[in-house]
Amino acid sequence: MSAPIHINGFTNDTLGWKAWLDVVQLAQATPAQMSVLEESHPKAKESDYYLFLVHQPEILRQRSLAFNAIMYAPGGLSRAERELASTVVSKINGCVYCASVHAQRFEQLAKRQDVIEQVFEEPHGAGTSDRERAIVDFSIELTLNPDHVNASSIQKLKDAGLQNSEILDLIHSIAIFAWANRLMLNLGEPIFPSV
């Protein structure tokens, strides 16, 4: 386990999440809802997030298929770099829960947390290499000013060594967190561990 980080209200601690609206109770779940929960995530049956989203099981199924394809597909951008981009987007969007989850995943995959500390402190300019800084900067740009992203933005990624397939994976990772963060932020709140 990496050292705890607590910077500017963001953390790499394991957080809970509580829905503000009624969740599906497992005892009353339909077979279709149970099926989607079982295929969505190993802990979906314990998560208020999934238990709320499964009110519309087919939408949750499609959301999970898209999310898993973007974040876990082999090839292209490394898993750690996808997690870094997701952490940056979550920090920029103010989603403490998503930032904590994806910071942990980056740390597990990269076996370090230096860049996560930088992202939580100040994402602009964060990164330990030209490649990481390019990923972070592009994640910020696409999150804050998608209408300003242009050929020059893409060229900066290429100059930092990213290949076309990696750039596409990066854009998908950033884009899905525009969606994921908004769901998390508008349907409930993070629960911090008791001290």
N, C-alpha and C. Protein backbone atom coordinates (compact mmCIF):
# COMPACT_ATOMS: atom_id res chain seq x y z
N MET A 1 0.85 -1.20 0.00
CA MET A 1 0.00 0.00 0.00
C MET A 1 0.88 1.23 0.00
N SER A 2 0.54 2.21 -0.83
CA SER A 2 1.31 3.44 -0.89
C SER A 2 0.98 4.32 0.31
N ALA A 3 1.85 5.29 0.53
CA ALA A 3 1.65 6.21 1.65
C ALA A 3 0.40 7.06 1.41
N PRO A 4 -0.30 7.38 2.48
CA PRO A 4 -1.50 8.21 2.32
C PRO A 4 -1.15 9.61 1.82
N ILE A 5 -1.94 10.10 0.90
CA ILE A 5 -1.80 11.45 0.39
C ILE A 5 -3.09 12.19 0.73
N HIS A 6 -2.93 13.37 1.29
CA HIS A 6 -4.07 14.25 1.58
C HIS A 6 -3.65 15.66 1.18
N ILE A 7 -4.05 16.11 -0.01
CA ILE A 7 -3.64 17.41 -0.53
C ILE A 7 -4.85 18.10 -1.15
N ASN A 8 -5.13 19.30 -0.70
CA ASN A 8 -6.20 20.13 -1.27
C ASN A 8 -7.55 19.42 -1.33
N GLY A 9 -7.84 18.61 -0.32
CA GLY A 9 -9.12 17.91 -0.28
C GLY A 9 -9.16 16.63 -1.09
N PHE A 10 -8.06 16.26 -1.74
CA PHE A 10 -7.97 15.03 -2.52
C PHE A 10 -7.08 14.03 -1.79
N THR A 11 -7.33 12.76 -2.04
CA THR A 11 -6.63 11.70 -1.32
C THR A 11 -6.50 10.46 -2.18
N ASN A 12 -5.55 9.62 -1.81
CA ASN A 12 -5.46 8.29 -2.41
C ASN A 12 -6.01 7.24 -1.46
N ASP A 13 -6.64 7.67 -0.37
CA ASP A 13 -7.31 6.74 0.54
C ASP A 13 -8.47 6.06 -0.18
N THR A 14 -8.88 4.90 0.34
CA THR A 14 -10.07 4.23 -0.16
C THR A 14 -11.29 4.91 0.44
N LEU A 15 -12.12 5.44 -0.42
CA LEU A 15 -13.33 6.14 0.01
C LEU A 15 -14.56 5.31 -0.28
N GLY A 16 -15.61 5.60 0.44
CA GLY A 16 -16.92 5.07 0.11
C GLY A 16 -17.67 6.10 -0.72
N TRP A 17 -18.86 5.75 -1.14
CA TRP A 17 -19.70 6.68 -1.89
C TRP A 17 -21.15 6.38 -1.54
N LYS A 18 -21.91 7.43 -1.24
CA LYS A 18 -23.31 7.27 -0.86
C LYS A 18 -24.21 8.00 -1.84
N ALA A 19 -25.17 7.26 -2.37
CA ALA A 19 -26.15 7.86 -3.30
C ALA A 19 -27.13 8.73 -2.53
N TRP A 20 -27.55 9.81 -3.15
CA TRP A 20 -28.56 10.68 -2.56
C TRP A 20 -29.97 10.21 -2.89
N LEU A 21 -30.10 9.31 -3.84
CA LEU A 21 -31.40 8.78 -4.24
C LEU A 21 -31.47 7.31 -3.85
N ASP A 22 -32.65 6.75 -3.90
CA ASP A 22 -32.83 5.35 -3.50
C ASP A 22 -32.09 4.41 -4.44
N VAL A 23 -31.42 3.44 -3.86
CA VAL A 23 -30.73 2.42 -4.62
C VAL A 23 -31.60 1.17 -4.70
N VAL A 24 -31.30 0.30 -5.64
CA VAL A 24 -32.00 -0.98 -5.76
C VAL A 24 -31.55 -1.88 -4.61
N GLN A 25 -32.49 -2.41 -3.89
CA GLN A 25 -32.18 -3.38 -2.83
C GLN A 25 -32.01 -4.75 -3.48
N LEU A 26 -30.93 -5.43 -3.16
CA LEU A 26 -30.64 -6.71 -3.81
C LEU A 26 -31.80 -7.70 -3.69
N ALA A 27 -32.47 -7.70 -2.56
CA ALA A 27 -33.58 -8.64 -2.35
C ALA A 27 -34.74 -8.37 -3.31
N GLN A 28 -34.85 -7.14 -3.80
CA GLN A 28 -35.93 -6.79 -4.72
C GLN A 28 -35.44 -6.65 -6.18
N ALA A 29 -34.18 -6.90 -6.44
CA ALA A 29 -33.63 -6.73 -7.79
C ALA A 29 -34.23 -7.77 -8.73
N THR A 30 -34.49 -7.35 -9.95
CA THR A 30 -35.01 -8.26 -10.98
C THR A 30 -33.85 -9.14 -11.48
N PRO A 31 -34.17 -10.23 -12.14
CA PRO A 31 -33.09 -11.05 -12.73
C PRO A 31 -32.22 -10.24 -13.70
N ALA A 32 -32.83 -9.34 -14.47
CA ALA A 32 -32.05 -8.51 -15.40
C ALA A 32 -31.09 -7.60 -14.65
N GLN A 33 -31.57 -7.02 -13.55
CA GLN A 33 -30.70 -6.15 -12.75
C GLN A 33 -29.56 -6.95 -12.13
N MET A 34 -29.85 -8.12 -11.61
CA MET A 34 -28.80 -8.95 -11.01
C MET A 34 -27.76 -9.35 -12.05
N SER A 35 -28.21 -9.68 -13.23
CA SER A 35 -27.31 -10.08 -14.30
C SER A 35 -26.34 -8.94 -14.64
N VAL A 36 -26.86 -7.73 -14.76
CA VAL A 36 -26.02 -6.57 -15.09
C VAL A 36 -25.06 -6.27 -13.96
N LEU A 37 -25.51 -6.36 -12.72
CA LEU A 37 -24.61 -6.13 -11.59
C LEU A 37 -23.46 -7.13 -11.61
N GLU A 38 -23.77 -8.38 -11.89
CA GLU A 38 -22.74 -9.42 -11.88
C GLU A 38 -21.72 -9.24 -13.00
N GLU A 39 -22.13 -8.67 -14.11
CA GLU A 39 -21.18 -8.50 -15.22
C GLU A 39 -20.49 -7.14 -15.20
N SER A 40 -20.95 -6.21 -14.37
CA SER A 40 -20.42 -4.84 -14.38
C SER A 40 -19.10 -4.69 -13.65
N HIS A 41 -19.03 -5.17 -12.42
CA HIS A 41 -17.86 -4.94 -11.56
C HIS A 41 -17.92 -5.96 -10.41
N PRO A 42 -16.77 -6.47 -9.97
CA PRO A 42 -16.79 -7.47 -8.89
C PRO A 42 -17.49 -7.00 -7.61
N LYS A 43 -17.46 -5.70 -7.34
CA LYS A 43 -18.08 -5.19 -6.11
C LYS A 43 -19.36 -4.42 -6.37
N ALA A 44 -19.94 -4.59 -7.54
CA ALA A 44 -21.13 -3.82 -7.91
C ALA A 44 -22.29 -4.02 -6.94
N LYS A 45 -22.43 -5.24 -6.40
CA LYS A 45 -23.56 -5.52 -5.50
C LYS A 45 -23.39 -4.85 -4.14
N GLU A 46 -22.21 -4.28 -3.89
CA GLU A 46 -21.95 -3.59 -2.62
C GLU A 46 -21.86 -2.08 -2.80
N SER A 47 -21.96 -1.60 -4.02
CA SER A 47 -21.71 -0.20 -4.33
C SER A 47 -23.00 0.57 -4.58
N ASP A 48 -23.20 1.65 -3.83
CA ASP A 48 -24.37 2.50 -4.06
C ASP A 48 -24.40 3.02 -5.49
N TYR A 49 -23.24 3.27 -6.06
CA TYR A 49 -23.16 3.79 -7.43
C TYR A 49 -23.81 2.81 -8.40
N TYR A 50 -23.38 1.57 -8.38
CA TYR A 50 -23.95 0.56 -9.27
C TYR A 50 -25.39 0.24 -8.88
N LEU A 51 -25.68 0.21 -7.60
CA LEU A 51 -27.03 -0.11 -7.14
C LEU A 51 -28.03 0.99 -7.49
N PHE A 52 -27.54 2.21 -7.69
CA PHE A 52 -28.42 3.25 -8.20
C PHE A 52 -28.55 3.15 -9.72
N LEU A 53 -27.42 3.04 -10.41
CA LEU A 53 -27.46 3.01 -11.88
C LEU A 53 -28.23 1.81 -12.42
N VAL A 54 -28.31 0.72 -11.65
CA VAL A 54 -29.00 -0.48 -12.14
C VAL A 54 -30.52 -0.31 -12.16
N HIS A 55 -31.04 0.83 -11.71
CA HIS A 55 -32.46 1.13 -11.94
C HIS A 55 -32.74 1.06 -13.44
N GLN A 56 -31.73 1.38 -14.25
CA GLN A 56 -31.84 1.28 -15.71
C GLN A 56 -30.76 0.29 -16.16
N PRO A 57 -31.06 -1.01 -16.05
CA PRO A 57 -30.02 -2.02 -16.26
C PRO A 57 -29.35 -1.98 -17.63
N GLU A 58 -30.08 -1.70 -18.68
CA GLU A 58 -29.45 -1.71 -20.00
C GLU A 58 -28.48 -0.53 -20.15
N ILE A 59 -28.83 0.62 -19.59
CA ILE A 59 -27.90 1.76 -19.63
C ILE A 59 -26.64 1.42 -18.84
N LEU A 60 -26.79 0.80 -17.66
CA LEU A 60 -25.62 0.40 -16.88
C LEU A 60 -24.79 -0.62 -17.65
N ARG A 61 -25.44 -1.56 -18.31
CA ARG A 61 -24.69 -2.55 -19.10
C ARG A 61 -23.84 -1.85 -20.17
N GLN A 62 -24.44 -0.93 -20.90
CA GLN A 62 -23.71 -0.23 -21.95
C GLN A 62 -22.62 0.66 -21.38
N ARG A 63 -22.89 1.30 -20.24
CA ARG A 63 -21.89 2.12 -19.57
C ARG A 63 -20.70 1.26 -19.17
N SER A 64 -20.96 0.10 -18.59
CA SER A 64 -19.89 -0.78 -18.13
C SER A 64 -19.08 -1.34 -19.30
N LEU A 65 -19.77 -1.70 -20.38
CA LEU A 65 -19.06 -2.19 -21.57
C LEU A 65 -18.12 -1.12 -22.12
N ALA A 66 -18.62 0.11 -22.23
CA ALA A 66 -17.79 1.20 -22.75
C ALA A 66 -16.63 1.49 -21.81
N PHE A 67 -16.92 1.60 -20.52
CA PHE A 67 -15.88 1.91 -19.54
C PHE A 67 -14.78 0.85 -19.54
N ASN A 68 -15.18 -0.41 -19.49
CA ASN A 68 -14.20 -1.49 -19.44
C ASN A 68 -13.38 -1.57 -20.73
N ALA A 69 -14.02 -1.33 -21.87
CA ALA A 69 -13.28 -1.35 -23.13
C ALA A 69 -12.26 -0.22 -23.19
N ILE A 70 -12.63 0.94 -22.70
CA ILE A 70 -11.72 2.09 -22.73
C ILE A 70 -10.58 1.93 -21.73
N MET A 71 -10.89 1.51 -20.52
CA MET A 71 -9.87 1.51 -19.47
C MET A 71 -9.01 0.24 -19.44
N TYR A 72 -9.53 -0.88 -19.95
CA TYR A 72 -8.82 -2.14 -19.79
C TYR A 72 -8.42 -2.83 -21.09
N ALA A 73 -8.72 -2.23 -22.23
CA ALA A 73 -8.38 -2.87 -23.50
C ALA A 73 -6.86 -3.04 -23.63
N PRO A 74 -6.42 -4.17 -24.17
CA PRO A 74 -4.97 -4.36 -24.35
C PRO A 74 -4.44 -3.48 -25.48
N GLY A 75 -3.13 -3.23 -25.43
CA GLY A 75 -2.49 -2.43 -26.47
C GLY A 75 -2.72 -0.95 -26.25
N GLY A 76 -2.14 -0.15 -27.12
CA GLY A 76 -2.32 1.29 -27.03
C GLY A 76 -1.67 1.88 -25.79
N LEU A 77 -2.30 2.90 -25.24
CA LEU A 77 -1.79 3.60 -24.07
C LEU A 77 -1.71 2.64 -22.89
N SER A 78 -0.67 2.75 -22.09
CA SER A 78 -0.53 1.84 -20.95
C SER A 78 -1.68 2.06 -19.97
N ARG A 79 -1.98 1.02 -19.21
CA ARG A 79 -3.03 1.12 -18.18
C ARG A 79 -2.70 2.23 -17.20
N ALA A 80 -1.43 2.32 -16.78
CA ALA A 80 -1.04 3.35 -15.81
C ALA A 80 -1.29 4.74 -16.37
N GLU A 81 -0.98 4.94 -17.65
CA GLU A 81 -1.19 6.27 -18.24
C GLU A 81 -2.67 6.60 -18.39
N ARG A 82 -3.49 5.61 -18.65
CA ARG A 82 -4.94 5.84 -18.69
C ARG A 82 -5.43 6.26 -17.29
N GLU A 83 -4.89 5.59 -16.28
CA GLU A 83 -5.28 5.92 -14.90
C GLU A 83 -4.79 7.32 -14.51
N LEU A 84 -3.61 7.69 -14.98
CA LEU A 84 -3.10 9.04 -14.71
C LEU A 84 -4.03 10.08 -15.33
N ALA A 85 -4.38 9.90 -16.59
CA ALA A 85 -5.29 10.84 -17.25
C ALA A 85 -6.62 10.92 -16.50
N SER A 86 -7.14 9.78 -16.07
CA SER A 86 -8.42 9.74 -15.35
C SER A 86 -8.32 10.48 -14.02
N THR A 87 -7.19 10.37 -13.36
CA THR A 87 -6.97 11.08 -12.10
C THR A 87 -6.92 12.58 -12.34
N VAL A 88 -6.22 13.00 -13.39
CA VAL A 88 -6.13 14.42 -13.71
C VAL A 88 -7.51 14.98 -14.00
N VAL A 89 -8.28 14.32 -14.86
CA VAL A 89 -9.62 14.79 -15.21
C VAL A 89 -10.48 14.87 -13.95
N SER A 90 -10.40 13.86 -13.10
CA SER A 90 -11.21 13.85 -11.87
C SER A 90 -10.80 14.98 -10.93
N LYS A 91 -9.52 15.28 -10.86
CA LYS A 91 -9.05 16.41 -10.04
C LYS A 91 -9.59 17.71 -10.60
N ILE A 92 -9.46 17.91 -11.91
CA ILE A 92 -9.94 19.14 -12.55
C ILE A 92 -11.44 19.31 -12.35
N ASN A 93 -12.19 18.21 -12.47
CA ASN A 93 -13.65 18.26 -12.32
C ASN A 93 -14.11 18.30 -10.87
N GLY A 94 -13.19 18.10 -9.93
CA GLY A 94 -13.55 18.15 -8.51
C GLY A 94 -14.18 16.88 -7.99
N CYS A 95 -13.94 15.75 -8.66
CA CYS A 95 -14.53 14.49 -8.22
C CYS A 95 -13.53 13.76 -7.32
N VAL A 96 -13.66 13.99 -6.02
CA VAL A 96 -12.74 13.42 -5.03
C VAL A 96 -12.78 11.90 -5.06
N TYR A 97 -13.97 11.33 -5.20
CA TYR A 97 -14.08 9.87 -5.19
C TYR A 97 -13.33 9.26 -6.38
N CYS A 98 -13.62 9.70 -7.59
CA CYS A 98 -12.95 9.14 -8.77
C CYS A 98 -11.45 9.38 -8.72
N ALA A 99 -11.04 10.55 -8.27
CA ALA A 99 -9.61 10.83 -8.17
C ALA A 99 -8.93 9.85 -7.23
N SER A 100 -9.58 9.50 -6.12
CA SER A 100 -8.97 8.57 -5.17
C SER A 100 -8.84 7.17 -5.77
N VAL A 101 -9.88 6.71 -6.44
CA VAL A 101 -9.86 5.38 -7.05
C VAL A 101 -8.77 5.27 -8.10
N HIS A 102 -8.69 6.25 -8.98
CA HIS A 102 -7.77 6.16 -10.10
C HIS A 102 -6.34 6.53 -9.72
N ALA A 103 -6.19 7.32 -8.67
CA ALA A 103 -4.85 7.54 -8.11
C ALA A 103 -4.30 6.22 -7.58
N GLN A 104 -5.14 5.49 -6.86
CA GLN A 104 -4.71 4.17 -6.33
C GLN A 104 -4.33 3.24 -7.47
N ARG A 105 -5.14 3.20 -8.50
CA ARG A 105 -4.85 2.29 -9.62
C ARG A 105 -3.55 2.68 -10.32
N PHE A 106 -3.32 3.99 -10.51
CA PHE A 106 -2.05 4.42 -11.09
C PHE A 106 -0.89 3.94 -10.23
N GLU A 107 -1.00 4.16 -8.93
CA GLU A 107 0.07 3.78 -7.99
C GLU A 107 0.32 2.27 -8.03
N GLN A 108 -0.72 1.48 -8.11
CA GLN A 108 -0.57 0.02 -8.17
C GLN A 108 0.15 -0.40 -9.45
N LEU A 109 -0.19 0.24 -10.55
CA LEU A 109 0.38 -0.14 -11.84
C LEU A 109 1.79 0.44 -12.04
N ALA A 110 2.00 1.69 -11.64
CA ALA A 110 3.28 2.36 -11.88
C ALA A 110 4.27 2.14 -10.74
N LYS A 111 3.78 1.67 -9.60
CA LYS A 111 4.63 1.42 -8.43
C LYS A 111 5.29 2.71 -7.92
N ARG A 112 4.56 3.81 -8.04
CA ARG A 112 5.04 5.09 -7.52
C ARG A 112 3.86 6.05 -7.38
N GLN A 113 4.06 7.13 -6.62
CA GLN A 113 2.97 8.06 -6.41
C GLN A 113 3.41 9.52 -6.58
N ASP A 114 4.64 9.75 -7.01
CA ASP A 114 5.16 11.11 -7.12
C ASP A 114 4.27 12.01 -7.98
N VAL A 115 3.87 11.52 -9.14
CA VAL A 115 3.05 12.35 -10.03
C VAL A 115 1.65 12.57 -9.46
N ILE A 116 1.14 11.64 -8.68
CA ILE A 116 -0.18 11.82 -8.05
C ILE A 116 -0.11 12.96 -7.05
N GLU A 117 0.95 13.02 -6.27
CA GLU A 117 1.13 14.15 -5.34
C GLU A 117 1.14 15.46 -6.10
N GLN A 118 1.84 15.48 -7.24
CA GLN A 118 1.90 16.69 -8.05
C GLN A 118 0.52 17.06 -8.59
N VAL A 119 -0.22 16.09 -9.08
CA VAL A 119 -1.56 16.35 -9.62
C VAL A 119 -2.47 16.90 -8.54
N PHE A 120 -2.43 16.32 -7.35
CA PHE A 120 -3.29 16.82 -6.27
C PHE A 120 -2.86 18.21 -5.80
N GLU A 121 -1.58 18.48 -5.85
CA GLU A 121 -1.07 19.81 -5.46
C GLU A 121 -1.45 20.85 -6.51
N GLU A 122 -1.07 20.61 -7.76
CA GLU A 122 -1.35 21.51 -8.88
C GLU A 122 -1.15 20.75 -10.18
N PRO A 123 -2.22 20.38 -10.85
CA PRO A 123 -2.08 19.54 -12.04
C PRO A 123 -1.30 20.19 -13.18
N HIS A 124 -1.40 21.50 -13.35
CA HIS A 124 -0.68 22.16 -14.44
C HIS A 124 0.82 21.96 -14.25
N GLY A 125 1.45 21.33 -15.25
CA GLY A 125 2.89 21.09 -15.18
C GLY A 125 3.28 19.82 -14.45
N ALA A 126 2.31 19.06 -13.95
CA ALA A 126 2.63 17.82 -13.23
C ALA A 126 3.17 16.77 -14.20
N GLY A 127 4.01 15.90 -13.68
CA GLY A 127 4.58 14.83 -14.48
C GLY A 127 6.06 14.70 -14.21
N THR A 128 6.58 13.50 -14.35
CA THR A 128 7.99 13.24 -14.07
C THR A 128 8.82 13.05 -15.33
N SER A 129 8.18 13.17 -16.48
CA SER A 129 8.87 13.04 -17.77
C SER A 129 8.11 13.89 -18.78
N ASP A 130 8.73 14.12 -19.93
CA ASP A 130 8.05 14.87 -20.98
C ASP A 130 6.75 14.19 -21.39
N ARG A 131 6.79 12.86 -21.46
CA ARG A 131 5.60 12.10 -21.86
C ARG A 131 4.48 12.29 -20.83
N GLU A 132 4.79 12.14 -19.55
CA GLU A 132 3.76 12.32 -18.52
C GLU A 132 3.21 13.74 -18.53
N ARG A 133 4.11 14.72 -18.66
CA ARG A 133 3.64 16.11 -18.68
C ARG A 133 2.73 16.35 -19.88
N ALA A 134 3.05 15.77 -21.02
CA ALA A 134 2.20 15.93 -22.20
C ALA A 134 0.82 15.30 -21.96
N ILE A 135 0.78 14.13 -21.33
CA ILE A 135 -0.49 13.46 -21.02
C ILE A 135 -1.30 14.31 -20.05
N VAL A 136 -0.65 14.82 -19.02
CA VAL A 136 -1.34 15.65 -18.02
C VAL A 136 -1.86 16.93 -18.66
N ASP A 137 -0.99 17.61 -19.41
CA ASP A 137 -1.39 18.89 -20.03
C ASP A 137 -2.55 18.69 -21.00
N PHE A 138 -2.49 17.63 -21.80
CA PHE A 138 -3.58 17.37 -22.74
C PHE A 138 -4.87 17.02 -22.00
N SER A 139 -4.77 16.26 -20.92
CA SER A 139 -5.95 15.92 -20.11
C SER A 139 -6.62 17.17 -19.57
N ILE A 140 -5.80 18.13 -19.12
CA ILE A 140 -6.33 19.40 -18.62
C ILE A 140 -7.00 20.18 -19.76
N GLU A 141 -6.30 20.29 -20.88
CA GLU A 141 -6.81 21.06 -22.01
C GLU A 141 -8.13 20.51 -22.52
N LEU A 142 -8.20 19.19 -22.71
CA LEU A 142 -9.44 18.60 -23.24
C LEU A 142 -10.58 18.70 -22.23
N THR A 143 -10.26 18.68 -20.94
CA THR A 143 -11.30 18.80 -19.91
C THR A 143 -11.82 20.22 -19.79
N LEU A 144 -10.92 21.19 -19.77
CA LEU A 144 -11.32 22.58 -19.54
C LEU A 144 -11.73 23.31 -20.82
N ASN A 145 -11.07 23.01 -21.92
CA ASN A 145 -11.28 23.77 -23.16
C ASN A 145 -11.33 22.84 -24.37
N PRO A 146 -12.30 21.96 -24.44
CA PRO A 146 -12.33 21.02 -25.56
C PRO A 146 -12.39 21.71 -26.92
N ASP A 147 -12.95 22.91 -26.96
CA ASP A 147 -13.05 23.63 -28.24
C ASP A 147 -11.71 24.21 -28.68
N HIS A 148 -10.70 24.18 -27.81
CA HIS A 148 -9.37 24.69 -28.17
C HIS A 148 -8.42 23.59 -28.61
N VAL A 149 -8.81 22.33 -28.44
CA VAL A 149 -7.95 21.23 -28.87
C VAL A 149 -7.89 21.24 -30.39
N ASN A 150 -6.65 21.16 -30.92
CA ASN A 150 -6.47 21.23 -32.36
C ASN A 150 -5.27 20.39 -32.77
N ALA A 151 -4.86 20.52 -34.02
CA ALA A 151 -3.74 19.72 -34.53
C ALA A 151 -2.46 19.98 -33.74
N SER A 152 -2.27 21.19 -33.26
CA SER A 152 -1.09 21.52 -32.46
C SER A 152 -1.11 20.75 -31.12
N SER A 153 -2.29 20.61 -30.54
CA SER A 153 -2.43 19.86 -29.29
C SER A 153 -2.02 18.41 -29.50
N ILE A 154 -2.45 17.83 -30.61
CA ILE A 154 -2.12 16.45 -30.93
C ILE A 154 -0.62 16.31 -31.24
N GLN A 155 -0.07 17.31 -31.92
CA GLN A 155 1.36 17.26 -32.26
C GLN A 155 2.22 17.25 -31.00
N LYS A 156 1.81 17.96 -29.97
CA LYS A 156 2.57 17.96 -28.70
C LYS A 156 2.63 16.55 -28.13
N LEU A 157 1.54 15.80 -28.25
CA LEU A 157 1.53 14.42 -27.78
C LEU A 157 2.48 13.56 -28.62
N LYS A 158 2.43 13.75 -29.92
CA LYS A 158 3.34 13.00 -30.80
C LYS A 158 4.79 13.34 -30.50
N ASP A 159 5.06 14.62 -30.25
CA ASP A 159 6.43 15.05 -29.94
C ASP A 159 6.93 14.42 -28.64
N ALA A 160 6.00 14.09 -27.75
CA ALA A 160 6.36 13.45 -26.48
C ALA A 160 6.45 11.93 -26.62
N GLY A 161 6.23 11.41 -27.85
CA GLY A 161 6.41 9.99 -28.09
C GLY A 161 5.15 9.16 -28.17
N LEU A 162 3.97 9.78 -28.08
CA LEU A 162 2.74 9.00 -28.17
C LEU A 162 2.42 8.67 -29.62
N GLN A 163 2.01 7.42 -29.83
CA GLN A 163 1.60 6.94 -31.15
C GLN A 163 0.10 7.22 -31.33
N ASN A 164 -0.36 7.13 -32.58
CA ASN A 164 -1.77 7.42 -32.87
C ASN A 164 -2.73 6.61 -32.01
N SER A 165 -2.48 5.31 -31.85
CA SER A 165 -3.40 4.47 -31.05
C SER A 165 -3.38 4.89 -29.59
N GLU A 166 -2.24 5.34 -29.10
CA GLU A 166 -2.15 5.81 -27.71
C GLU A 166 -2.91 7.13 -27.53
N ILE A 167 -2.84 7.99 -28.52
CA ILE A 167 -3.56 9.26 -28.46
C ILE A 167 -5.06 9.02 -28.45
N LEU A 168 -5.53 8.09 -29.26
CA LEU A 168 -6.95 7.77 -29.26
C LEU A 168 -7.38 7.20 -27.91
N ASP A 169 -6.57 6.30 -27.34
CA ASP A 169 -6.88 5.77 -26.01
C ASP A 169 -6.92 6.88 -24.97
N LEU A 170 -5.99 7.82 -25.06
CA LEU A 170 -5.96 8.94 -24.12
C LEU A 170 -7.23 9.77 -24.23
N ILE A 171 -7.64 10.08 -25.45
CA ILE A 171 -8.86 10.88 -25.65
C ILE A 171 -10.08 10.14 -25.11
N HIS A 172 -10.16 8.84 -25.37
CA HIS A 172 -11.28 8.05 -24.81
C HIS A 172 -11.27 8.08 -23.29
N SER A 173 -10.09 7.93 -22.68
CA SER A 173 -10.00 7.91 -21.21
C SER A 173 -10.44 9.25 -20.62
N ILE A 174 -10.00 10.33 -21.23
CA ILE A 174 -10.39 11.66 -20.76
C ILE A 174 -11.90 11.85 -20.94
N ALA A 175 -12.41 11.49 -22.09
CA ALA A 175 -13.82 11.73 -22.40
C ALA A 175 -14.75 10.94 -21.49
N ILE A 176 -14.40 9.69 -21.20
CA ILE A 176 -15.33 8.91 -20.36
C ILE A 176 -15.39 9.46 -18.94
N PHE A 177 -14.33 10.15 -18.52
CA PHE A 177 -14.38 10.74 -17.19
C PHE A 177 -15.13 12.06 -17.15
N ALA A 178 -15.35 12.70 -18.30
CA ALA A 178 -16.29 13.82 -18.32
C ALA A 178 -17.67 13.30 -17.92
N TRP A 179 -17.97 12.09 -18.35
CA TRP A 179 -19.26 11.43 -18.04
C TRP A 179 -19.24 10.85 -16.63
N ALA A 180 -18.23 10.06 -16.32
CA ALA A 180 -18.17 9.37 -15.02
C ALA A 180 -18.17 10.37 -13.86
N ASN A 181 -17.37 11.42 -13.97
CA ASN A 181 -17.32 12.41 -12.89
C ASN A 181 -18.68 13.08 -12.68
N ARG A 182 -19.35 13.39 -13.76
CA ARG A 182 -20.63 14.06 -13.62
C ARG A 182 -21.68 13.15 -12.99
N LEU A 183 -21.64 11.88 -13.29
CA LEU A 183 -22.55 10.95 -12.61
C LEU A 183 -22.25 10.92 -11.11
N MET A 184 -20.98 10.75 -10.77
CA MET A 184 -20.60 10.65 -9.36
C MET A 184 -20.93 11.93 -8.59
N LEU A 185 -20.61 13.07 -9.19
CA LEU A 185 -20.80 14.35 -8.52
C LEU A 185 -22.26 14.74 -8.34
N ASN A 186 -23.13 14.26 -9.22
CA ASN A 186 -24.52 14.70 -9.19
C ASN A 186 -25.50 13.67 -8.65
N LEU A 187 -24.98 12.50 -8.30
CA LEU A 187 -25.87 11.45 -7.76
C LEU A 187 -25.57 11.11 -6.31
N GLY A 188 -24.48 11.61 -5.76
CA GLY A 188 -24.13 11.26 -4.39
C GLY A 188 -22.86 11.95 -3.95
N GLU A 189 -22.25 11.42 -2.89
CA GLU A 189 -21.06 12.06 -2.33
C GLU A 189 -20.09 11.03 -1.79
N PRO A 190 -18.80 11.43 -1.76
CA PRO A 190 -17.79 10.50 -1.22
C PRO A 190 -17.93 10.41 0.30
N ILE A 191 -17.58 9.25 0.82
CA ILE A 191 -17.57 9.02 2.26
C ILE A 191 -16.13 8.74 2.67
N PHE A 192 -15.60 9.61 3.52
CA PHE A 192 -14.22 9.46 3.96
C PHE A 192 -14.14 8.46 5.10
N PRO A 193 -13.02 7.71 5.20
CA PRO A 193 -12.89 6.75 6.29
C PRO A 193 -12.86 7.45 7.64
N SER A 194 -13.37 6.77 8.66
CA SER A 194 -13.32 7.31 10.02
C SER A 194 -11.88 7.30 10.50
N VAL A 195 -11.50 8.35 11.19
CA VAL A 195 -10.12 8.43 11.69
C VAL A 195 -10.05 7.90 13.10
